[in-house]
Amino acid sequence: MIKRGFAVFVHTDIALEIVMAEKRKRTTQPDKHRNSASGIIEIEEAQRRRKEKREELVKQEKVQRRLEKASEKASRPKMSLTKKLAVGGIIVVAALVFIFNGYRIIDLNLNKSVYEQQYEEKQAEKAKLETELSHVNDPAYVEQLARSRYHMLREGELFYVFPQAQGPEAQ
């Protein structure tokens, strides 16, 4: 009963009894989380229950994801046979082009040494011709070249040609 802002308990003993009865009810009721003897919550039991609940939720989420993926896959349009053949043909053509280009590269690498050798020979011939070109301005070299290649003679010189012997005497 409340009068003019003050709380007056008519029977404080009755109120105390009600509170105590409720407490006893809570402690005497078989609760899975409470120890019946002490009324203390068992922490390990609560942790185990929370862990089980989390694992169950994770399992349910996985099942839900699998179902979503399956329904998504089922709702996708199927590829027709002509599209499959077209894709297969493109893959085959791409593989053939790749193989052909690989063969050409291998062939070029094998011929590379032959071409390098020919290049070296041409470089040596070029060096020889350059030295010969530098001697062309020398009169002594020009005279020696004219005598050896073209059998040219000075005035008063004689040129002798000896026949080559044939048969067993030539040896």
N, C-alpha and C. Protein backbone atom coordinates (compact mmCIF):
# COMPACT_ATOMS: atom_id res chain seq x y z
N MET A 1 0.82 -1.16 0.00
CA MET A 1 0.00 0.00 0.00
C MET A 1 0.88 1.24 0.00
N ILE A 2 0.52 2.25 -0.87
CA ILE A 2 1.35 3.46 -0.98
C ILE A 2 0.49 4.66 -0.62
N LYS A 3 1.01 5.43 0.30
CA LYS A 3 0.29 6.64 0.69
C LYS A 3 1.24 7.82 0.61
N ARG A 4 0.85 8.86 -0.07
CA ARG A 4 1.55 10.12 -0.20
C ARG A 4 3.04 9.99 -0.43
N GLY A 5 3.46 9.17 -1.39
CA GLY A 5 4.87 9.05 -1.77
C GLY A 5 5.68 8.15 -0.87
N PHE A 6 5.13 7.63 0.20
CA PHE A 6 5.89 6.76 1.07
C PHE A 6 5.42 5.34 0.89
N ALA A 7 6.36 4.44 0.89
CA ALA A 7 6.01 3.04 0.76
C ALA A 7 5.91 2.45 2.14
N VAL A 8 4.81 1.88 2.37
CA VAL A 8 4.60 1.27 3.67
C VAL A 8 4.28 -0.19 3.42
N PHE A 9 5.07 -1.02 4.02
CA PHE A 9 4.82 -2.44 3.90
C PHE A 9 3.93 -2.85 5.06
N VAL A 10 2.81 -3.42 4.73
CA VAL A 10 1.86 -3.79 5.75
C VAL A 10 2.41 -4.93 6.57
N HIS A 11 2.77 -5.91 5.91
CA HIS A 11 3.32 -7.04 6.65
C HIS A 11 4.66 -7.38 6.04
N THR A 12 5.71 -6.92 6.60
CA THR A 12 7.05 -7.19 6.09
C THR A 12 7.39 -8.66 6.18
N ASP A 13 6.84 -9.34 7.15
CA ASP A 13 7.11 -10.77 7.29
C ASP A 13 6.53 -11.53 6.10
N ILE A 14 5.41 -11.13 5.64
CA ILE A 14 4.77 -11.81 4.51
C ILE A 14 5.60 -11.58 3.24
N ALA A 15 6.07 -10.37 3.03
CA ALA A 15 6.88 -10.06 1.85
C ALA A 15 8.17 -10.86 1.87
N LEU A 16 8.79 -10.98 3.03
CA LEU A 16 10.01 -11.76 3.16
C LEU A 16 9.75 -13.22 2.84
N GLU A 17 8.62 -13.72 3.30
CA GLU A 17 8.29 -15.11 3.03
C GLU A 17 8.09 -15.37 1.53
N ILE A 18 7.47 -14.45 0.87
CA ILE A 18 7.24 -14.59 -0.58
C ILE A 18 8.57 -14.64 -1.33
N VAL A 19 9.47 -13.74 -0.99
CA VAL A 19 10.79 -13.70 -1.65
C VAL A 19 11.56 -14.98 -1.38
N MET A 20 11.53 -15.46 -0.17
CA MET A 20 12.25 -16.69 0.19
C MET A 20 11.65 -17.89 -0.53
N ALA A 21 10.32 -17.92 -0.66
CA ALA A 21 9.67 -19.03 -1.36
C ALA A 21 10.08 -19.07 -2.83
N GLU A 22 10.16 -17.89 -3.43
CA GLU A 22 10.59 -17.84 -4.83
C GLU A 22 12.02 -18.31 -4.99
N LYS A 23 12.86 -17.93 -4.05
CA LYS A 23 14.26 -18.38 -4.09
C LYS A 23 14.35 -19.89 -3.96
N ARG A 24 13.57 -20.43 -3.04
CA ARG A 24 13.58 -21.88 -2.86
C ARG A 24 13.08 -22.59 -4.11
N LYS A 25 12.07 -22.01 -4.72
CA LYS A 25 11.53 -22.59 -5.94
C LYS A 25 12.61 -22.67 -7.02
N ARG A 26 13.36 -21.57 -7.16
CA ARG A 26 14.41 -21.55 -8.18
C ARG A 26 15.52 -22.55 -7.88
N THR A 27 15.89 -22.68 -6.65
CA THR A 27 16.99 -23.58 -6.31
C THR A 27 16.55 -25.03 -6.27
N THR A 28 15.28 -25.29 -5.94
CA THR A 28 14.85 -26.67 -5.86
C THR A 28 14.40 -27.22 -7.19
N GLN A 29 14.09 -26.34 -8.18
CA GLN A 29 13.69 -26.83 -9.49
C GLN A 29 14.91 -27.45 -10.17
N PRO A 30 14.73 -28.60 -10.80
CA PRO A 30 15.87 -29.22 -11.47
C PRO A 30 16.21 -28.42 -12.74
N ASP A 31 17.29 -27.70 -12.67
CA ASP A 31 17.78 -26.91 -13.80
C ASP A 31 19.07 -27.53 -14.30
N LYS A 32 19.17 -27.67 -15.58
CA LYS A 32 20.34 -28.34 -16.15
C LYS A 32 21.60 -27.51 -15.96
N HIS A 33 21.45 -26.21 -15.85
CA HIS A 33 22.62 -25.35 -15.71
C HIS A 33 23.03 -25.14 -14.26
N ARG A 34 22.21 -25.53 -13.34
CA ARG A 34 22.53 -25.29 -11.94
C ARG A 34 22.84 -26.60 -11.22
N ASN A 35 23.73 -26.50 -10.31
CA ASN A 35 24.05 -27.63 -9.46
C ASN A 35 22.97 -27.67 -8.39
N SER A 36 22.31 -28.78 -8.25
CA SER A 36 21.19 -28.86 -7.32
C SER A 36 21.63 -28.65 -5.88
N ALA A 37 22.86 -28.96 -5.57
CA ALA A 37 23.31 -28.85 -4.19
C ALA A 37 23.68 -27.40 -3.86
N SER A 38 24.37 -26.71 -4.74
CA SER A 38 24.87 -25.40 -4.37
C SER A 38 24.18 -24.26 -5.10
N GLY A 39 23.47 -24.52 -6.20
CA GLY A 39 22.80 -23.47 -6.94
C GLY A 39 23.77 -22.67 -7.81
N ILE A 40 24.98 -23.20 -8.06
CA ILE A 40 25.99 -22.51 -8.86
C ILE A 40 25.93 -23.05 -10.29
N ILE A 41 26.08 -22.15 -11.24
CA ILE A 41 26.06 -22.56 -12.65
C ILE A 41 27.37 -23.28 -12.97
N GLU A 42 27.26 -24.43 -13.60
CA GLU A 42 28.46 -25.17 -13.98
C GLU A 42 29.00 -24.58 -15.28
N ILE A 43 30.19 -24.02 -15.23
CA ILE A 43 30.77 -23.31 -16.38
C ILE A 43 31.12 -24.27 -17.50
N GLU A 44 31.71 -25.40 -17.16
CA GLU A 44 32.09 -26.35 -18.21
C GLU A 44 30.88 -26.83 -18.97
N GLU A 45 29.80 -27.09 -18.25
CA GLU A 45 28.58 -27.56 -18.91
C GLU A 45 28.03 -26.49 -19.84
N ALA A 46 28.06 -25.25 -19.39
CA ALA A 46 27.56 -24.15 -20.22
C ALA A 46 28.44 -23.96 -21.46
N GLN A 47 29.76 -24.06 -21.27
CA GLN A 47 30.67 -23.92 -22.42
C GLN A 47 30.45 -25.05 -23.43
N ARG A 48 30.29 -26.27 -22.90
CA ARG A 48 30.06 -27.41 -23.77
C ARG A 48 28.77 -27.21 -24.57
N ARG A 49 27.72 -26.74 -23.91
CA ARG A 49 26.43 -26.52 -24.59
C ARG A 49 26.56 -25.43 -25.67
N ARG A 50 27.27 -24.36 -25.33
CA ARG A 50 27.46 -23.29 -26.33
C ARG A 50 28.25 -23.80 -27.53
N LYS A 51 29.26 -24.62 -27.26
CA LYS A 51 30.08 -25.19 -28.34
C LYS A 51 29.23 -26.09 -29.23
N GLU A 52 28.41 -26.93 -28.63
CA GLU A 52 27.52 -27.80 -29.39
C GLU A 52 26.55 -26.98 -30.24
N LYS A 53 26.04 -25.92 -29.64
CA LYS A 53 25.10 -25.07 -30.36
C LYS A 53 25.78 -24.41 -31.56
N ARG A 54 27.01 -23.90 -31.36
CA ARG A 54 27.77 -23.30 -32.47
C ARG A 54 28.04 -24.32 -33.57
N GLU A 55 28.46 -25.54 -33.18
CA GLU A 55 28.73 -26.58 -34.18
C GLU A 55 27.47 -26.90 -34.97
N GLU A 56 26.35 -26.97 -34.30
CA GLU A 56 25.08 -27.25 -34.97
C GLU A 56 24.74 -26.13 -35.96
N LEU A 57 24.98 -24.89 -35.55
CA LEU A 57 24.72 -23.76 -36.45
C LEU A 57 25.63 -23.80 -37.67
N VAL A 58 26.89 -24.16 -37.45
CA VAL A 58 27.84 -24.26 -38.57
C VAL A 58 27.40 -25.35 -39.53
N LYS A 59 26.97 -26.49 -39.00
CA LYS A 59 26.49 -27.58 -39.84
C LYS A 59 25.27 -27.14 -40.66
N GLN A 60 24.36 -26.45 -40.01
CA GLN A 60 23.17 -25.98 -40.71
C GLN A 60 23.54 -24.99 -41.82
N GLU A 61 24.52 -24.11 -41.55
CA GLU A 61 24.96 -23.15 -42.57
C GLU A 61 25.59 -23.88 -43.76
N LYS A 62 26.40 -24.91 -43.48
CA LYS A 62 27.02 -25.68 -44.56
C LYS A 62 25.95 -26.36 -45.42
N VAL A 63 24.98 -26.96 -44.76
CA VAL A 63 23.90 -27.62 -45.50
C VAL A 63 23.15 -26.59 -46.34
N GLN A 64 22.91 -25.43 -45.77
CA GLN A 64 22.20 -24.37 -46.50
C GLN A 64 23.01 -23.93 -47.72
N ARG A 65 24.33 -23.76 -47.56
CA ARG A 65 25.18 -23.38 -48.69
C ARG A 65 25.16 -24.45 -49.78
N ARG A 66 25.24 -25.72 -49.37
CA ARG A 66 25.20 -26.81 -50.35
C ARG A 66 23.89 -26.80 -51.13
N LEU A 67 22.81 -26.59 -50.42
CA LEU A 67 21.50 -26.54 -51.08
C LEU A 67 21.43 -25.36 -52.05
N GLU A 68 21.97 -24.20 -51.64
CA GLU A 68 21.96 -23.04 -52.52
C GLU A 68 22.79 -23.30 -53.77
N LYS A 69 23.98 -23.91 -53.61
CA LYS A 69 24.83 -24.22 -54.76
C LYS A 69 24.14 -25.22 -55.69
N ALA A 70 23.52 -26.22 -55.10
CA ALA A 70 22.84 -27.23 -55.92
C ALA A 70 21.69 -26.60 -56.70
N SER A 71 20.93 -25.74 -56.06
CA SER A 71 19.81 -25.11 -56.77
C SER A 71 20.32 -24.14 -57.83
N GLU A 72 21.43 -23.45 -57.52
CA GLU A 72 22.03 -22.55 -58.51
C GLU A 72 22.54 -23.33 -59.71
N LYS A 73 23.19 -24.45 -59.46
CA LYS A 73 23.71 -25.30 -60.54
C LYS A 73 22.57 -25.86 -61.37
N ALA A 74 21.49 -26.26 -60.72
CA ALA A 74 20.35 -26.82 -61.43
C ALA A 74 19.65 -25.75 -62.26
N SER A 75 19.69 -24.51 -61.82
CA SER A 75 19.01 -23.45 -62.55
C SER A 75 19.84 -22.94 -63.73
N ARG A 76 21.14 -23.25 -63.78
CA ARG A 76 21.97 -22.83 -64.91
C ARG A 76 21.54 -23.56 -66.17
N PRO A 77 21.57 -22.84 -67.30
CA PRO A 77 21.20 -23.53 -68.55
C PRO A 77 22.30 -24.51 -68.96
N LYS A 78 21.88 -25.62 -69.53
CA LYS A 78 22.83 -26.65 -69.97
C LYS A 78 23.44 -26.23 -71.30
N MET A 79 24.72 -26.61 -71.52
CA MET A 79 25.41 -26.29 -72.76
C MET A 79 24.98 -27.30 -73.83
N SER A 80 24.62 -26.78 -74.99
CA SER A 80 24.15 -27.67 -76.06
C SER A 80 25.33 -28.41 -76.69
N LEU A 81 25.01 -29.44 -77.46
CA LEU A 81 26.05 -30.25 -78.10
C LEU A 81 26.85 -29.44 -79.10
N THR A 82 26.19 -28.56 -79.84
CA THR A 82 26.93 -27.76 -80.83
C THR A 82 27.91 -26.82 -80.15
N LYS A 83 27.52 -26.26 -79.02
CA LYS A 83 28.44 -25.38 -78.28
C LYS A 83 29.62 -26.18 -77.75
N LYS A 84 29.35 -27.38 -77.26
CA LYS A 84 30.43 -28.23 -76.76
C LYS A 84 31.40 -28.57 -77.88
N LEU A 85 30.86 -28.91 -79.05
CA LEU A 85 31.73 -29.23 -80.20
C LEU A 85 32.52 -28.01 -80.64
N ALA A 86 31.92 -26.83 -80.61
CA ALA A 86 32.62 -25.61 -81.00
C ALA A 86 33.76 -25.32 -80.03
N VAL A 87 33.50 -25.45 -78.75
CA VAL A 87 34.55 -25.21 -77.75
C VAL A 87 35.66 -26.24 -77.91
N GLY A 88 35.29 -27.50 -78.13
CA GLY A 88 36.30 -28.55 -78.33
C GLY A 88 37.13 -28.28 -79.58
N GLY A 89 36.49 -27.83 -80.65
CA GLY A 89 37.21 -27.51 -81.87
C GLY A 89 38.20 -26.37 -81.68
N ILE A 90 37.78 -25.35 -80.96
CA ILE A 90 38.68 -24.23 -80.67
C ILE A 90 39.87 -24.69 -79.87
N ILE A 91 39.65 -25.55 -78.91
CA ILE A 91 40.76 -26.07 -78.08
C ILE A 91 41.71 -26.88 -78.94
N VAL A 92 41.19 -27.71 -79.84
CA VAL A 92 42.04 -28.53 -80.71
C VAL A 92 42.88 -27.64 -81.63
N VAL A 93 42.25 -26.61 -82.22
CA VAL A 93 42.97 -25.70 -83.11
C VAL A 93 44.07 -24.97 -82.34
N ALA A 94 43.74 -24.50 -81.15
CA ALA A 94 44.74 -23.81 -80.33
C ALA A 94 45.91 -24.74 -80.01
N ALA A 95 45.63 -25.99 -79.69
CA ALA A 95 46.70 -26.95 -79.39
C ALA A 95 47.56 -27.20 -80.62
N LEU A 96 46.94 -27.32 -81.81
CA LEU A 96 47.71 -27.54 -83.03
C LEU A 96 48.61 -26.34 -83.34
N VAL A 97 48.10 -25.14 -83.18
CA VAL A 97 48.91 -23.94 -83.41
C VAL A 97 50.08 -23.91 -82.44
N PHE A 98 49.82 -24.24 -81.20
CA PHE A 98 50.88 -24.26 -80.19
C PHE A 98 51.95 -25.29 -80.55
N ILE A 99 51.54 -26.47 -80.97
CA ILE A 99 52.50 -27.52 -81.33
C ILE A 99 53.31 -27.12 -82.56
N PHE A 100 52.64 -26.55 -83.57
CA PHE A 100 53.33 -26.14 -84.79
C PHE A 100 54.37 -25.06 -84.49
N ASN A 101 54.00 -24.07 -83.69
CA ASN A 101 54.95 -23.01 -83.34
C ASN A 101 56.10 -23.56 -82.51
N GLY A 102 55.82 -24.51 -81.65
CA GLY A 102 56.89 -25.14 -80.87
C GLY A 102 57.86 -25.88 -81.77
N TYR A 103 57.33 -26.58 -82.78
CA TYR A 103 58.19 -27.29 -83.73
C TYR A 103 59.07 -26.30 -84.50
N ARG A 104 58.49 -25.17 -84.91
CA ARG A 104 59.28 -24.17 -85.64
C ARG A 104 60.39 -23.60 -84.78
N ILE A 105 60.11 -23.35 -83.53
CA ILE A 105 61.13 -22.82 -82.63
C ILE A 105 62.26 -23.82 -82.45
N ILE A 106 61.93 -25.08 -82.27
CA ILE A 106 62.96 -26.11 -82.10
C ILE A 106 63.80 -26.21 -83.37
N ASP A 107 63.15 -26.19 -84.54
CA ASP A 107 63.87 -26.27 -85.81
C ASP A 107 64.81 -25.08 -85.99
N LEU A 108 64.37 -23.89 -85.65
CA LEU A 108 65.22 -22.71 -85.76
C LEU A 108 66.42 -22.80 -84.82
N ASN A 109 66.19 -23.30 -83.63
CA ASN A 109 67.31 -23.44 -82.68
C ASN A 109 68.33 -24.46 -83.18
N LEU A 110 67.87 -25.54 -83.84
CA LEU A 110 68.80 -26.53 -84.37
C LEU A 110 69.61 -25.95 -85.54
N ASN A 111 68.98 -25.12 -86.37
CA ASN A 111 69.67 -24.53 -87.51
C ASN A 111 70.52 -23.33 -87.12
N LYS A 112 70.39 -22.86 -85.93
CA LYS A 112 71.12 -21.68 -85.48
C LYS A 112 72.63 -21.90 -85.56
N SER A 113 73.11 -23.05 -85.16
CA SER A 113 74.56 -23.31 -85.18
C SER A 113 75.09 -23.33 -86.62
N VAL A 114 74.30 -23.87 -87.56
CA VAL A 114 74.72 -23.88 -88.97
C VAL A 114 74.84 -22.45 -89.48
N TYR A 115 73.86 -21.63 -89.18
CA TYR A 115 73.88 -20.25 -89.64
C TYR A 115 75.00 -19.45 -88.97
N GLU A 116 75.28 -19.74 -87.73
CA GLU A 116 76.39 -19.06 -87.05
C GLU A 116 77.72 -19.42 -87.70
N GLN A 117 77.90 -20.68 -88.08
CA GLN A 117 79.14 -21.11 -88.74
C GLN A 117 79.28 -20.41 -90.10
N GLN A 118 78.20 -20.33 -90.86
CA GLN A 118 78.24 -19.63 -92.15
C GLN A 118 78.57 -18.15 -91.94
N TYR A 119 78.03 -17.57 -90.91
CA TYR A 119 78.32 -16.17 -90.61
C TYR A 119 79.81 -15.98 -90.32
N GLU A 120 80.40 -16.89 -89.54
CA GLU A 120 81.83 -16.79 -89.23
C GLU A 120 82.67 -16.90 -90.50
N GLU A 121 82.30 -17.82 -91.41
CA GLU A 121 83.04 -17.97 -92.67
C GLU A 121 82.95 -16.69 -93.49
N LYS A 122 81.77 -16.11 -93.57
CA LYS A 122 81.60 -14.86 -94.33
C LYS A 122 82.39 -13.72 -93.69
N GLN A 123 82.47 -13.69 -92.40
CA GLN A 123 83.26 -12.65 -91.71
C GLN A 123 84.74 -12.81 -92.04
N ALA A 124 85.24 -14.06 -92.07
CA ALA A 124 86.65 -14.31 -92.40
C ALA A 124 86.92 -13.90 -93.85
N GLU A 125 86.00 -14.24 -94.76
CA GLU A 125 86.16 -13.86 -96.17
C GLU A 125 86.15 -12.34 -96.32
N LYS A 126 85.30 -11.67 -95.56
CA LYS A 126 85.22 -10.21 -95.60
C LYS A 126 86.54 -9.60 -95.14
N ALA A 127 87.12 -10.14 -94.08
CA ALA A 127 88.40 -9.62 -93.57
C ALA A 127 89.51 -9.81 -94.60
N LYS A 128 89.51 -10.98 -95.27
CA LYS A 128 90.51 -11.26 -96.30
C LYS A 128 90.38 -10.26 -97.46
N LEU A 129 89.14 -10.01 -97.89
CA LEU A 129 88.92 -9.07 -98.99
C LEU A 129 89.28 -7.64 -98.59
N GLU A 130 89.05 -7.28 -97.36
CA GLU A 130 89.42 -5.93 -96.90
C GLU A 130 90.93 -5.74 -96.90
N THR A 131 91.68 -6.78 -96.48
CA THR A 131 93.15 -6.67 -96.52
C THR A 131 93.63 -6.60 -97.97
N GLU A 132 92.99 -7.37 -98.86
CA GLU A 132 93.37 -7.33 -100.28
C GLU A 132 93.06 -5.95 -100.86
N LEU A 133 91.96 -5.37 -100.46
CA LEU A 133 91.60 -4.04 -100.93
C LEU A 133 92.59 -2.99 -100.45
N SER A 134 93.11 -3.15 -99.27
CA SER A 134 94.10 -2.19 -98.77
C SER A 134 95.43 -2.31 -99.53
N HIS A 135 95.73 -3.48 -100.10
CA HIS A 135 96.96 -3.67 -100.87
C HIS A 135 96.84 -3.21 -102.32
N VAL A 136 95.65 -2.94 -102.79
CA VAL A 136 95.44 -2.57 -104.19
C VAL A 136 96.17 -1.27 -104.54
N ASN A 137 96.33 -0.39 -103.63
CA ASN A 137 97.02 0.88 -103.88
C ASN A 137 98.54 0.72 -103.89
N ASP A 138 99.05 -0.42 -103.51
CA ASP A 138 100.50 -0.67 -103.49
C ASP A 138 100.92 -1.16 -104.88
N PRO A 139 101.86 -0.46 -105.59
CA PRO A 139 102.27 -0.87 -106.94
C PRO A 139 102.95 -2.24 -106.96
N ALA A 140 103.70 -2.59 -105.97
CA ALA A 140 104.40 -3.88 -105.93
C ALA A 140 103.37 -5.02 -105.89
N TYR A 141 102.31 -4.84 -105.13
CA TYR A 141 101.28 -5.87 -105.01
C TYR A 141 100.55 -6.02 -106.34
N VAL A 142 100.23 -4.91 -106.98
CA VAL A 142 99.53 -4.96 -108.27
C VAL A 142 100.38 -5.69 -109.30
N GLU A 143 101.70 -5.43 -109.31
CA GLU A 143 102.60 -6.10 -110.26
C GLU A 143 102.65 -7.60 -109.97
N GLN A 144 102.76 -7.98 -108.74
CA GLN A 144 102.83 -9.41 -108.36
C GLN A 144 101.53 -10.10 -108.74
N LEU A 145 100.40 -9.45 -108.56
CA LEU A 145 99.10 -10.01 -108.90
C LEU A 145 98.97 -10.20 -110.42
N ALA A 146 99.43 -9.22 -111.18
CA ALA A 146 99.37 -9.30 -112.64
C ALA A 146 100.24 -10.44 -113.16
N ARG A 147 101.41 -10.65 -112.57
CA ARG A 147 102.31 -11.71 -113.00
C ARG A 147 101.74 -13.09 -112.65
N SER A 148 101.18 -13.25 -111.46
CA SER A 148 100.74 -14.58 -111.04
C SER A 148 99.40 -14.98 -111.67
N ARG A 149 98.46 -14.08 -111.72
CA ARG A 149 97.13 -14.42 -112.23
C ARG A 149 97.04 -14.35 -113.76
N TYR A 150 97.57 -13.29 -114.30
CA TYR A 150 97.36 -13.05 -115.72
C TYR A 150 98.59 -13.33 -116.58
N HIS A 151 99.66 -13.84 -115.98
CA HIS A 151 100.90 -14.22 -116.66
C HIS A 151 101.44 -13.06 -117.51
N MET A 152 101.40 -11.89 -116.95
CA MET A 152 101.94 -10.73 -117.65
C MET A 152 103.44 -10.69 -117.44
N LEU A 153 104.17 -10.16 -118.45
CA LEU A 153 105.63 -10.11 -118.41
C LEU A 153 106.10 -8.69 -118.66
N ARG A 154 107.30 -8.38 -118.19
CA ARG A 154 107.93 -7.11 -118.52
C ARG A 154 108.60 -7.25 -119.88
N GLU A 155 109.00 -6.14 -120.41
CA GLU A 155 109.68 -6.18 -121.69
C GLU A 155 111.00 -6.94 -121.54
N GLY A 156 111.23 -7.85 -122.43
CA GLY A 156 112.47 -8.61 -122.44
C GLY A 156 112.42 -9.90 -121.64
N GLU A 157 111.33 -10.15 -120.92
CA GLU A 157 111.23 -11.39 -120.15
C GLU A 157 110.59 -12.47 -121.01
N LEU A 158 110.98 -13.72 -120.71
CA LEU A 158 110.43 -14.86 -121.43
C LEU A 158 109.61 -15.71 -120.45
N PHE A 159 108.58 -16.29 -120.99
CA PHE A 159 107.69 -17.12 -120.16
C PHE A 159 107.80 -18.55 -120.65
N TYR A 160 108.19 -19.44 -119.78
CA TYR A 160 108.35 -20.85 -120.14
C TYR A 160 107.21 -21.65 -119.53
N VAL A 161 106.64 -22.53 -120.37
CA VAL A 161 105.58 -23.43 -119.91
C VAL A 161 106.09 -24.83 -120.10
N PHE A 162 106.11 -25.63 -119.04
CA PHE A 162 106.57 -27.01 -119.10
C PHE A 162 105.37 -27.93 -119.13
N PRO A 163 105.37 -28.87 -120.08
CA PRO A 163 104.23 -29.79 -120.14
C PRO A 163 104.25 -30.74 -118.95
N GLN A 164 103.06 -31.09 -118.51
CA GLN A 164 102.98 -32.02 -117.39
C GLN A 164 103.12 -33.43 -117.94
N ALA A 165 103.86 -34.23 -117.25
CA ALA A 165 104.10 -35.61 -117.69
C ALA A 165 102.90 -36.44 -117.33
N GLN A 166 102.50 -37.33 -118.24
CA GLN A 166 101.37 -38.21 -117.99
C GLN A 166 101.85 -39.62 -117.92
N GLY A 167 101.11 -40.43 -117.18
CA GLY A 167 101.48 -41.83 -117.09
C GLY A 167 102.31 -42.13 -115.87
N PRO A 168 103.05 -43.34 -115.95
CA PRO A 168 103.83 -43.77 -114.79
C PRO A 168 105.06 -42.92 -114.53
N GLU A 169 105.56 -42.17 -115.55
CA GLU A 169 106.77 -41.35 -115.33
C GLU A 169 106.46 -40.11 -114.51
N ALA A 170 105.21 -39.67 -114.51
CA ALA A 170 104.84 -38.44 -113.81
C ALA A 170 104.94 -38.61 -112.30
N GLN A 171 104.84 -39.81 -111.89
CA GLN A 171 104.88 -40.06 -110.45
C GLN A 171 106.31 -40.07 -110.02
